[in-house]
Structures are given as structure tokens and as C-alpha cells.
Amino acid sequence: MLKKPCPYLKGSVNHTLEKCEMLKKYYNRVAHRDEDKKKDAGDKGGDDEFPPVENAFFIFGGPTTNMTSRQRKRERREVFYVTNATPSYLDWSKDTISFGREDHPDYVPHPGRYPLVVDPIIGNNRFSKVLMDGGSSLNIIYAHTLELMGIGLDKLRPSKSPFHDVALGRRVQPLGQIDLPVCFGTAANFRKEVLTFEVVGFRGSYHAILGRPCYAKFMAIPNYTYHKLKMPGPKGVIIVGSSFEHAYECDVECIKHAEAQAENEALAATLDKMARKALDSTH
């Protein structure tokens, strides 16, 4: 077919179909359009294709940083433990937790933007500003909160696990550790578990921060879209809710607190620099 005279031009032709310049221009335009479509799809993140992986990034550190070699060996044995023929299930693992339309609020402003703030009972005190932080590997409580509870720092035991990214990215050495009972739910259906907290000396905008150890202990599942936390209880699933208004107020307060702390540290650094300069000039 390609060797025959070109059928797309009227009148007599002196070239074959494969030599037709008009046909070549047409298919060149088609090829460019296809390339442009592929480029646009790539710019949009490849909606219809699995994204190609170019790099893989990891985060190292955490409470295991200061482990001894003996502790490392024990941890390794636990992680690579041979599976038993009879599984050993965790408490409350038989309960199923799900979210559906019945959990959907009437209105969800900016899904996922605001923090999940709950009001558990810690010890015998109910705190209205406790942050549920699934990205934290620690439960953190402030010395000021312990003061409100009437607990002195002499009740703490030593802590050897410094951590980062809580106080403006600095390395933080806790004042110590303390075990406290934490309760979710109502008198009709509640769960109470003892959690280990790292106690810090600086002030925060929350009363405490509950991380992954809390999630694991309570077998709790958060939904940051619906702003709810669910966990199994002795009389059915316990639902812990929070309002978007309260979460917004806590978020604004947290930002103001961080900005004020940054300004204070900048001012302290400036004053220290001026003092050093004045001291050098006297010498």
C-alpha cells in the first residue's frame, strides 16, 4: 500500500504514499499532541498511572537512640521472633472499629487541617486540651500540668531518652518519666489504662500530648476528617468526639505560643550577643 501512488491528492501524482509530505506533516502534528498530553499528565502527577519512584527517604532516631547493645539484642529477638502455631492476640483485638456516614458531621471545614483535641481524665483530673498525635512515638506531659494535678517532680523516675522537634526543633532532655492512669469514655462505658509519660520542663499550649503508645494501648483508631476517636470498650465501641471550633481555637493558640517563644528566643540571642560585644570592648 505504501508503494502505490498517493490517494490523498487530486489529479495525477508523482509520489507514493510513503513519500507524501502532507501525510508526514499530519502525523508529526499528531505525535506532538500525544507528547503534550503525556507531559501534562506528568505535571498533574500521573492521575492514571502509578508514579515512578526516583528516591526513597528514611527517618532515623527516636527513643531507641540511646539503647545499649544488650537492649538492642533483646529488641531484635522480639522483632524477629518466630511465629507460634497458636497466635498470641492483644487485648481488645477482637473488636471491629469502623467509620461511616453516621459519623459524618454536618459540615467539615478544611478536612484534615485541624488537630484532634480530646478531653480524657488523667489521674482524677479532666483536661480539655490533650492533643492526639499519631506522629509522636512518645506520650508527653508538661511539668505545669503535673503541678495542676498536685504531683511534685520528686515523683519522677529518670529518663534517658532525649527527643527532638517538640520545642522548635531543639534537642529536649525530659525531666523524667511518670506512669499515670488515663481514662476515656463515660461512667456507662469507659476504658482506663496506665500510660508512661515523658515530663518536660517547658510550657506548651496543650495539657499533654498522646502519641502512638496511647493509640496502641487503647487499640484506638482516629479519624481526622470526622474529628473522632474510637476505641473498644467493655460495653461497645467508645466514641470520643471534638468540635471543630475547639480544635481551631487550640490551633491558633498553639501558633501564637510558638511565635511568642521564637520571638523571646530571638530577643534573648540578641541581648546575649550585645552583652558579649560589650564585654569584649571592655577588654
C-alpha atoms as a PDB file:
ATOM      1  CA  MET A   1       0.000   0.000   0.000  1.00  0.00           C
ATOM      2  CA  LEU A   2       2.832   2.382   0.831  1.00  0.00           C
ATOM      3  CA  LYS A   3       4.432   1.722  -2.573  1.00  0.00           C
ATOM      4  CA  LYS A   4       1.304   2.715  -4.501  1.00  0.00           C
ATOM      5  CA  PRO A   5       0.587   6.283  -5.743  1.00  0.00           C
ATOM      6  CA  CYS A   6      -0.684   8.617  -3.011  1.00  0.00           C
ATOM      7  CA  PRO A   7      -4.516   8.510  -2.963  1.00  0.00           C
ATOM      8  CA  TYR A   8      -4.972  11.708  -0.892  1.00  0.00           C
ATOM      9  CA  LEU A   9      -4.097  14.261  -3.629  1.00  0.00           C
ATOM     10  CA  LYS A  10      -6.363  15.015  -6.572  1.00  0.00           C
ATOM     11  CA  GLY A  11      -5.107  14.662 -10.070  1.00  0.00           C
ATOM     12  CA  SER A  12      -2.010  12.872 -11.178  1.00  0.00           C
ATOM     13  CA  VAL A  13       0.706  12.437  -8.558  1.00  0.00           C
ATOM     14  CA  ASN A  14       4.368  11.594  -8.922  1.00  0.00           C
ATOM     15  CA  HIS A  15       4.973  10.252  -5.406  1.00  0.00           C
ATOM     16  CA  THR A  16       3.977   7.164  -3.444  1.00  0.00           C
ATOM     17  CA  LEU A  17       2.028   7.147  -0.171  1.00  0.00           C
ATOM     18  CA  GLU A  18       5.170   6.710   1.936  1.00  0.00           C
ATOM     19  CA  LYS A  19       6.713   9.825   0.325  1.00  0.00           C
ATOM     20  CA  CYS A  20       3.645  12.046   0.852  1.00  0.00           C
ATOM     21  CA  GLU A  21       4.756  15.250   2.624  1.00  0.00           C
ATOM     22  CA  MET A  22       1.193  16.174   3.625  1.00  0.00           C
ATOM     23  CA  LEU A  23       0.754  12.820   5.379  1.00  0.00           C
ATOM     24  CA  LYS A  24       4.087  13.201   7.177  1.00  0.00           C
ATOM     25  CA  LYS A  25       3.111  16.683   8.450  1.00  0.00           C
ATOM     26  CA  TYR A  26      -0.215  15.338   9.686  1.00  0.00           C
ATOM     27  CA  TYR A  27       1.323  12.505  11.695  1.00  0.00           C
ATOM     28  CA  ASN A  28       4.028  14.809  13.083  1.00  0.00           C
ATOM     29  CA  ARG A  29       1.279  17.079  14.460  1.00  0.00           C
ATOM     30  CA  VAL A  30      -0.473  14.039  15.980  1.00  0.00           C
ATOM     31  CA  ALA A  31       2.782  12.887  17.598  1.00  0.00           C
ATOM     32  CA  HIS A  32       3.372  16.334  19.121  1.00  0.00           C
ATOM     33  CA  ARG A  33      -0.153  16.410  20.535  1.00  0.00           C
ATOM     34  CA  ASP A  34       0.376  12.985  22.162  1.00  0.00           C
ATOM     35  CA  GLU A  35       3.665  14.163  23.692  1.00  0.00           C
ATOM     36  CA  ASP A  36       1.981  17.288  25.067  1.00  0.00           C
ATOM     37  CA  LYS A  37      -0.782  15.161  26.633  1.00  0.00           C
ATOM     38  CA  LYS A  38       1.785  12.884  28.291  1.00  0.00           C
ATOM     39  CA  LYS A  39       3.688  15.909  29.590  1.00  0.00           C
ATOM     40  CA  ASP A  40       0.510  17.453  31.022  1.00  0.00           C
ATOM     41  CA  ALA A  41      -0.366  14.142  32.694  1.00  0.00           C
ATOM     42  CA  GLY A  42       3.103  14.034  34.213  1.00  0.00           C
ATOM     43  CA  ASP A  43       2.735  17.586  35.524  1.00  0.00           C
ATOM     44  CA  LYS A  44      -0.544  16.633  37.189  1.00  0.00           C
ATOM     45  CA  GLY A  45       1.050  13.720  38.970  1.00  0.00           C
ATOM     46  CA  GLY A  46       0.020  10.993  36.521  1.00  0.00           C
ATOM     47  CA  ASP A  47      -3.595  10.542  37.525  1.00  0.00           C
ATOM     48  CA  ASP A  48      -3.973   7.317  35.545  1.00  0.00           C
ATOM     49  CA  GLU A  49      -0.541   5.794  36.169  1.00  0.00           C
ATOM     50  CA  PHE A  50       1.435   4.594  39.168  1.00  0.00           C
ATOM     51  CA  PRO A  51       4.121   7.253  39.864  1.00  0.00           C
ATOM     52  CA  PRO A  52       7.722   6.279  39.115  1.00  0.00           C
ATOM     53  CA  VAL A  53       9.839   6.082  42.293  1.00  0.00           C
ATOM     54  CA  GLU A  54      13.044   8.094  41.975  1.00  0.00           C
ATOM     55  CA  ASN A  55      14.218   8.243  45.602  1.00  0.00           C
ATOM     56  CA  ALA A  56      13.434   6.691  48.973  1.00  0.00           C
ATOM     57  CA  PHE A  57      13.942   8.739  52.152  1.00  0.00           C
ATOM     58  CA  PHE A  58      14.056   7.458  55.732  1.00  0.00           C
ATOM     59  CA  ILE A  59      13.925   8.991  59.210  1.00  0.00           C
ATOM     60  CA  PHE A  60      16.238   7.648  61.897  1.00  0.00           C
ATOM     61  CA  GLY A  61      16.345   8.240  65.634  1.00  0.00           C
ATOM     62  CA  GLY A  62      13.756   8.376  68.387  1.00  0.00           C
ATOM     63  CA  PRO A  63      13.686   6.820  71.849  1.00  0.00           C
ATOM     64  CA  THR A  64      15.822   3.859  70.694  1.00  0.00           C
ATOM     65  CA  THR A  65      18.816   6.123  70.028  1.00  0.00           C
ATOM     66  CA  ASN A  66      20.379   5.593  73.468  1.00  0.00           C
ATOM     67  CA  MET A  67      19.783   1.836  73.715  1.00  0.00           C
ATOM     68  CA  THR A  68      22.639  -0.325  74.917  1.00  0.00           C
ATOM     69  CA  SER A  69      23.857  -3.266  72.845  1.00  0.00           C
ATOM     70  CA  ARG A  70      22.103  -5.656  75.257  1.00  0.00           C
ATOM     71  CA  GLN A  71      18.819  -3.782  74.844  1.00  0.00           C
ATOM     72  CA  ARG A  72      19.288  -3.836  71.080  1.00  0.00           C
ATOM     73  CA  LYS A  73      19.741  -7.613  71.116  1.00  0.00           C
ATOM     74  CA  ARG A  74      16.611  -8.080  73.208  1.00  0.00           C
ATOM     75  CA  GLU A  75      14.630  -5.830  70.879  1.00  0.00           C
ATOM     76  CA  ARG A  76      15.920  -7.710  67.830  1.00  0.00           C
ATOM     77  CA  ARG A  77      14.811 -11.035  69.328  1.00  0.00           C
ATOM     78  CA  GLU A  78      11.339  -9.595  69.910  1.00  0.00           C
ATOM     79  CA  VAL A  79      11.030  -8.229  66.356  1.00  0.00           C
ATOM     80  CA  PHE A  80      12.316 -11.381  64.638  1.00  0.00           C
ATOM     81  CA  TYR A  81      10.526 -13.738  66.994  1.00  0.00           C
ATOM     82  CA  VAL A  82       9.455 -16.999  65.304  1.00  0.00           C
ATOM     83  CA  THR A  83       5.682 -17.104  64.810  1.00  0.00           C
ATOM     84  CA  ASN A  84       3.877 -19.507  67.114  1.00  0.00           C
ATOM     85  CA  ALA A  85       1.456 -22.069  65.768  1.00  0.00           C
ATOM     86  CA  THR A  86      -1.111 -20.511  68.113  1.00  0.00           C
ATOM     87  CA  PRO A  87      -1.225 -16.710  67.688  1.00  0.00           C
ATOM     88  CA  SER A  88      -0.989 -14.551  70.798  1.00  0.00           C
ATOM     89  CA  TYR A  89      -3.578 -11.804  70.372  1.00  0.00           C
ATOM     90  CA  LEU A  90      -3.505  -8.425  72.081  1.00  0.00           C
ATOM     91  CA  ASP A  91      -6.301  -7.388  74.400  1.00  0.00           C
ATOM     92  CA  TRP A  92      -9.328  -5.815  72.674  1.00  0.00           C
ATOM     93  CA  SER A  93      -8.141  -7.032  69.249  1.00  0.00           C
ATOM     94  CA  LYS A  94     -11.359  -8.984  68.661  1.00  0.00           C
ATOM     95  CA  ASP A  95     -13.409  -5.788  68.387  1.00  0.00           C
ATOM     96  CA  THR A  96     -14.056  -4.235  64.972  1.00  0.00           C
ATOM     97  CA  ILE A  97     -13.986  -0.467  64.605  1.00  0.00           C
ATOM     98  CA  SER A  98     -15.284   1.296  61.515  1.00  0.00           C
ATOM     99  CA  PHE A  99     -16.354   4.752  60.361  1.00  0.00           C
ATOM    100  CA  GLY A 100     -19.327   5.535  58.145  1.00  0.00           C
ATOM    101  CA  ARG A 101     -21.846   8.177  57.160  1.00  0.00           C
ATOM    102  CA  GLU A 102     -23.330   8.070  60.648  1.00  0.00           C
ATOM    103  CA  ASP A 103     -20.047   9.571  61.916  1.00  0.00           C
ATOM    104  CA  HIS A 104     -20.009  12.340  59.317  1.00  0.00           C
ATOM    105  CA  PRO A 105     -20.504  15.833  60.805  1.00  0.00           C
ATOM    106  CA  ASP A 106     -22.995  18.179  59.179  1.00  0.00           C
ATOM    107  CA  TYR A 107     -20.088  20.274  57.936  1.00  0.00           C
ATOM    108  CA  VAL A 108     -16.352  19.537  57.647  1.00  0.00           C
ATOM    109  CA  PRO A 109     -14.284  22.735  57.233  1.00  0.00           C
ATOM    110  CA  HIS A 110     -10.896  22.080  55.607  1.00  0.00           C
ATOM    111  CA  PRO A 111     -10.724  18.258  56.089  1.00  0.00           C
ATOM    112  CA  GLY A 112      -7.602  17.174  57.962  1.00  0.00           C
ATOM    113  CA  ARG A 113      -6.339  20.667  58.769  1.00  0.00           C
ATOM    114  CA  TYR A 114      -7.207  20.945  62.449  1.00  0.00           C
ATOM    115  CA  PRO A 115      -5.721  18.885  65.316  1.00  0.00           C
ATOM    116  CA  LEU A 116      -7.650  16.151  67.103  1.00  0.00           C
ATOM    117  CA  VAL A 117      -8.020  17.509  70.637  1.00  0.00           C
ATOM    118  CA  VAL A 118      -9.692  15.321  73.281  1.00  0.00           C
ATOM    119  CA  ASP A 119     -10.640  15.625  76.965  1.00  0.00           C
ATOM    120  CA  PRO A 120      -9.570  12.465  78.821  1.00  0.00           C
ATOM    121  CA  ILE A 121      -9.312  12.032  82.578  1.00  0.00           C
ATOM    122  CA  ILE A 122      -5.667  11.853  83.656  1.00  0.00           C
ATOM    123  CA  GLY A 123      -5.382  10.712  87.246  1.00  0.00           C
ATOM    124  CA  ASN A 124      -8.515  12.247  88.792  1.00  0.00           C
ATOM    125  CA  ASN A 125      -8.491  15.366  86.640  1.00  0.00           C
ATOM    126  CA  ARG A 126     -10.241  16.016  83.332  1.00  0.00           C
ATOM    127  CA  PHE A 127      -8.160  18.004  80.856  1.00  0.00           C
ATOM    128  CA  SER A 128      -9.851  19.712  77.920  1.00  0.00           C
ATOM    129  CA  LYS A 129      -6.752  20.256  75.759  1.00  0.00           C
ATOM    130  CA  VAL A 130      -4.964  16.966  75.133  1.00  0.00           C
ATOM    131  CA  LEU A 131      -3.544  16.515  71.638  1.00  0.00           C
ATOM    132  CA  MET A 132      -3.805  13.141  69.881  1.00  0.00           C
ATOM    133  CA  ASP A 133      -0.597  12.984  67.813  1.00  0.00           C
ATOM    134  CA  GLY A 134      -0.226   9.855  65.688  1.00  0.00           C
ATOM    135  CA  GLY A 135       3.182  11.088  64.542  1.00  0.00           C
ATOM    136  CA  SER A 136       4.707  11.003  68.023  1.00  0.00           C
ATOM    137  CA  SER A 137       6.382   7.921  69.464  1.00  0.00           C
ATOM    138  CA  LEU A 138       6.049   9.353  72.987  1.00  0.00           C
ATOM    139  CA  ASN A 139       3.369  10.434  75.435  1.00  0.00           C
ATOM    140  CA  ILE A 140       4.359  13.873  76.720  1.00  0.00           C
ATOM    141  CA  ILE A 141       3.089  15.789  79.729  1.00  0.00           C
ATOM    142  CA  TYR A 142       4.248  19.177  80.982  1.00  0.00           C
ATOM    143  CA  ALA A 143       5.583  19.889  84.450  1.00  0.00           C
ATOM    144  CA  HIS A 144       2.976  22.642  84.688  1.00  0.00           C
ATOM    145  CA  THR A 145       0.232  20.040  84.142  1.00  0.00           C
ATOM    146  CA  LEU A 146       1.665  17.894  86.947  1.00  0.00           C
ATOM    147  CA  GLU A 147       1.638  20.995  89.138  1.00  0.00           C
ATOM    148  CA  LEU A 148      -2.072  21.449  88.400  1.00  0.00           C
ATOM    149  CA  MET A 149      -2.585  17.806  89.412  1.00  0.00           C
ATOM    150  CA  GLY A 150      -0.706  18.333  92.683  1.00  0.00           C
ATOM    151  CA  ILE A 151       2.116  15.960  91.684  1.00  0.00           C
ATOM    152  CA  GLY A 152       5.654  17.006  92.563  1.00  0.00           C
ATOM    153  CA  LEU A 153       8.711  16.401  90.403  1.00  0.00           C
ATOM    154  CA  ASP A 154      10.087  14.172  93.159  1.00  0.00           C
ATOM    155  CA  LYS A 155       7.657  11.507  91.912  1.00  0.00           C
ATOM    156  CA  LEU A 156       9.513  11.205  88.595  1.00  0.00           C
ATOM    157  CA  ARG A 157      11.937   8.450  87.708  1.00  0.00           C
ATOM    158  CA  PRO A 158      14.976   9.110  85.471  1.00  0.00           C
ATOM    159  CA  SER A 159      14.583   9.219  81.701  1.00  0.00           C
ATOM    160  CA  LYS A 160      17.474   8.586  79.300  1.00  0.00           C
ATOM    161  CA  SER A 161      15.630   9.237  76.033  1.00  0.00           C
ATOM    162  CA  PRO A 162      16.057  12.755  74.621  1.00  0.00           C
ATOM    163  CA  PHE A 163      13.853  13.711  71.698  1.00  0.00           C
ATOM    164  CA  HIS A 164      13.526  16.430  69.068  1.00  0.00           C
ATOM    165  CA  ASP A 165      11.004  18.580  67.149  1.00  0.00           C
ATOM    166  CA  VAL A 166       8.770  19.457  70.112  1.00  0.00           C
ATOM    167  CA  ALA A 167      10.452  22.684  71.206  1.00  0.00           C
ATOM    168  CA  LEU A 168      11.254  24.405  67.915  1.00  0.00           C
ATOM    169  CA  GLY A 169      13.418  21.564  66.664  1.00  0.00           C
ATOM    170  CA  ARG A 170      15.775  21.576  69.640  1.00  0.00           C
ATOM    171  CA  ARG A 171      17.020  18.506  71.455  1.00  0.00           C
ATOM    172  CA  VAL A 172      14.968  18.062  74.623  1.00  0.00           C
ATOM    173  CA  GLN A 173      16.077  16.129  77.689  1.00  0.00           C
ATOM    174  CA  PRO A 174      12.981  15.164  79.736  1.00  0.00           C
ATOM    175  CA  LEU A 175      12.890  15.912  83.435  1.00  0.00           C
ATOM    176  CA  GLY A 176      11.897  12.272  83.964  1.00  0.00           C
ATOM    177  CA  GLN A 177       9.133   9.742  83.445  1.00  0.00           C
ATOM    178  CA  ILE A 178       5.896   9.067  85.272  1.00  0.00           C
ATOM    179  CA  ASP A 179       3.108   6.493  84.957  1.00  0.00           C
ATOM    180  CA  LEU A 180      -0.419   7.916  85.100  1.00  0.00           C
ATOM    181  CA  PRO A 181      -3.877   6.369  84.580  1.00  0.00           C
ATOM    182  CA  VAL A 182      -5.742   7.750  81.562  1.00  0.00           C
ATOM    183  CA  CYS A 183      -9.490   7.245  81.127  1.00  0.00           C
ATOM    184  CA  PHE A 184     -11.704   7.680  78.042  1.00  0.00           C
ATOM    185  CA  GLY A 185     -15.477   7.368  77.859  1.00  0.00           C
ATOM    186  CA  THR A 186     -18.332   7.849  80.307  1.00  0.00           C
ATOM    187  CA  ALA A 187     -19.368   6.132  83.521  1.00  0.00           C
ATOM    188  CA  ALA A 188     -21.628   3.863  81.441  1.00  0.00           C
ATOM    189  CA  ASN A 189     -18.794   2.672  79.170  1.00  0.00           C
ATOM    190  CA  PHE A 190     -15.161   3.586  79.759  1.00  0.00           C
ATOM    191  CA  ARG A 191     -11.574   2.379  79.391  1.00  0.00           C
ATOM    192  CA  LYS A 192      -8.767   3.123  81.793  1.00  0.00           C
ATOM    193  CA  GLU A 193      -5.132   2.321  81.054  1.00  0.00           C
ATOM    194  CA  VAL A 194      -1.831   3.315  82.647  1.00  0.00           C
ATOM    195  CA  LEU A 195       0.435   5.226  80.265  1.00  0.00           C
ATOM    196  CA  THR A 196       4.072   6.241  80.615  1.00  0.00           C
ATOM    197  CA  PHE A 197       4.670   9.974  80.085  1.00  0.00           C
ATOM    198  CA  GLU A 198       7.861  11.879  79.371  1.00  0.00           C
ATOM    199  CA  VAL A 199       7.786  15.018  81.554  1.00  0.00           C
ATOM    200  CA  VAL A 200       9.181  18.214  80.020  1.00  0.00           C
ATOM    201  CA  GLY A 201      10.015  21.463  81.779  1.00  0.00           C
ATOM    202  CA  PHE A 202       8.954  23.993  79.139  1.00  0.00           C
ATOM    203  CA  ARG A 203       5.404  25.295  78.739  1.00  0.00           C
ATOM    204  CA  GLY A 204       3.125  24.151  75.937  1.00  0.00           C
ATOM    205  CA  SER A 205      -0.271  25.170  74.618  1.00  0.00           C
ATOM    206  CA  TYR A 206      -1.733  21.720  75.430  1.00  0.00           C
ATOM    207  CA  HIS A 207      -2.036  19.939  78.754  1.00  0.00           C
ATOM    208  CA  ALA A 208      -0.469  16.765  77.318  1.00  0.00           C
ATOM    209  CA  ILE A 209       0.323  15.011  74.030  1.00  0.00           C
ATOM    210  CA  LEU A 210      -0.741  11.392  73.495  1.00  0.00           C
ATOM    211  CA  GLY A 211       1.230   9.561  70.817  1.00  0.00           C
ATOM    212  CA  ARG A 212       1.365   6.106  69.265  1.00  0.00           C
ATOM    213  CA  PRO A 213       1.915   4.294  72.603  1.00  0.00           C
ATOM    214  CA  CYS A 214      -1.512   5.575  73.672  1.00  0.00           C
ATOM    215  CA  TYR A 215      -3.113   4.519  70.381  1.00  0.00           C
ATOM    216  CA  ALA A 216      -1.625   1.044  70.780  1.00  0.00           C
ATOM    217  CA  LYS A 217      -2.568   0.653  74.453  1.00  0.00           C
ATOM    218  CA  PHE A 218      -6.195   1.602  73.871  1.00  0.00           C
ATOM    219  CA  MET A 219      -6.352  -0.024  70.396  1.00  0.00           C
ATOM    220  CA  ALA A 220      -7.742   3.363  69.359  1.00  0.00           C
ATOM    221  CA  ILE A 221      -8.441   4.462  65.782  1.00  0.00           C
ATOM    222  CA  PRO A 222      -8.540   8.187  64.893  1.00  0.00           C
ATOM    223  CA  ASN A 223     -10.420   9.804  62.035  1.00  0.00           C
ATOM    224  CA  TYR A 224      -9.009  13.255  61.410  1.00  0.00           C
ATOM    225  CA  THR A 225     -11.687  14.030  58.816  1.00  0.00           C
ATOM    226  CA  TYR A 226     -14.652  13.361  61.092  1.00  0.00           C
ATOM    227  CA  HIS A 227     -12.702  14.593  64.131  1.00  0.00           C
ATOM    228  CA  LYS A 228     -13.416  11.484  66.172  1.00  0.00           C
ATOM    229  CA  LEU A 229     -11.509   8.827  68.067  1.00  0.00           C
ATOM    230  CA  LYS A 230     -12.891   5.318  68.520  1.00  0.00           C
ATOM    231  CA  MET A 231     -11.711   2.505  70.763  1.00  0.00           C
ATOM    232  CA  PRO A 232     -13.164  -0.788  72.005  1.00  0.00           C
ATOM    233  CA  GLY A 233     -14.852  -0.696  75.402  1.00  0.00           C
ATOM    234  CA  PRO A 234     -16.403  -3.268  77.754  1.00  0.00           C
ATOM    235  CA  LYS A 235     -19.913  -2.267  76.586  1.00  0.00           C
ATOM    236  CA  GLY A 236     -19.251  -1.483  72.940  1.00  0.00           C
ATOM    237  CA  VAL A 237     -17.193   0.999  70.970  1.00  0.00           C
ATOM    238  CA  ILE A 238     -16.284   4.202  72.812  1.00  0.00           C
ATOM    239  CA  ILE A 239     -16.572   7.330  70.660  1.00  0.00           C
ATOM    240  CA  VAL A 240     -14.543  10.381  71.665  1.00  0.00           C
ATOM    241  CA  GLY A 241     -15.540  13.487  69.749  1.00  0.00           C
ATOM    242  CA  SER A 242     -14.211  17.011  69.449  1.00  0.00           C
ATOM    243  CA  SER A 243     -15.666  20.161  67.923  1.00  0.00           C
ATOM    244  CA  PHE A 244     -14.022  21.987  65.039  1.00  0.00           C
ATOM    245  CA  GLU A 245     -14.441  25.242  66.962  1.00  0.00           C
ATOM    246  CA  HIS A 246     -12.404  23.942  69.902  1.00  0.00           C
ATOM    247  CA  ALA A 247      -9.763  22.479  67.567  1.00  0.00           C
ATOM    248  CA  TYR A 248      -9.475  25.793  65.724  1.00  0.00           C
ATOM    249  CA  GLU A 249      -9.011  27.740  68.976  1.00  0.00           C
ATOM    250  CA  CYS A 250      -6.319  25.267  70.150  1.00  0.00           C
ATOM    251  CA  ASP A 251      -4.530  25.500  66.800  1.00  0.00           C
ATOM    252  CA  VAL A 252      -4.497  29.305  66.871  1.00  0.00           C
ATOM    253  CA  GLU A 253      -3.266  29.298  70.474  1.00  0.00           C
ATOM    254  CA  CYS A 254      -0.520  26.816  69.591  1.00  0.00           C
ATOM    255  CA  ILE A 255       0.696  29.010  66.713  1.00  0.00           C
ATOM    256  CA  LYS A 256       0.690  32.139  68.892  1.00  0.00           C
ATOM    257  CA  HIS A 257       2.594  30.281  71.614  1.00  0.00           C
ATOM    258  CA  ALA A 258       5.232  29.074  69.129  1.00  0.00           C
ATOM    259  CA  GLU A 259       5.642  32.542  67.606  1.00  0.00           C
ATOM    260  CA  ALA A 260       5.967  34.165  71.033  1.00  0.00           C
ATOM    261  CA  GLN A 261       8.569  31.591  72.074  1.00  0.00           C
ATOM    262  CA  ALA A 262      10.526  32.183  68.863  1.00  0.00           C
ATOM    263  CA  GLU A 263      10.454  35.966  69.442  1.00  0.00           C
ATOM    264  CA  ASN A 264      11.622  35.536  73.041  1.00  0.00           C
ATOM    265  CA  GLU A 265      14.488  33.304  71.958  1.00  0.00           C
ATOM    266  CA  ALA A 266      15.482  35.758  69.204  1.00  0.00           C
ATOM    267  CA  LEU A 267      15.450  38.620  71.720  1.00  0.00           C
ATOM    268  CA  ALA A 268      17.483  36.580  74.212  1.00  0.00           C
ATOM    269  CA  ALA A 269      20.033  35.760  71.499  1.00  0.00           C
ATOM    270  CA  THR A 270      20.306  39.450  70.542  1.00  0.00           C
ATOM    271  CA  LEU A 271      20.797  40.538  74.144  1.00  0.00           C
ATOM    272  CA  ASP A 272      23.413  37.831  74.666  1.00  0.00           C
ATOM    273  CA  LYS A 273      25.249  38.964  71.544  1.00  0.00           C
ATOM    274  CA  MET A 274      25.189  42.595  72.717  1.00  0.00           C
ATOM    275  CA  ALA A 275      26.444  41.588  76.169  1.00  0.00           C
ATOM    276  CA  ARG A 276      29.316  39.617  74.662  1.00  0.00           C
ATOM    277  CA  LYS A 277      30.211  42.520  72.404  1.00  0.00           C
ATOM    278  CA  ALA A 278      30.178  44.948  75.314  1.00  0.00           C
ATOM    279  CA  LEU A 279      32.331  42.593  77.368  1.00  0.00           C
ATOM    280  CA  ASP A 280      34.866  42.252  74.561  1.00  0.00           C
ATOM    281  CA  SER A 281      35.071  46.033  74.184  1.00  0.00           C
ATOM    282  CA  THR A 282      35.934  46.440  77.871  1.00  0.00           C
ATOM    283  CA  HIS A 283      38.873  44.104  77.457  1.00  0.00           C
END
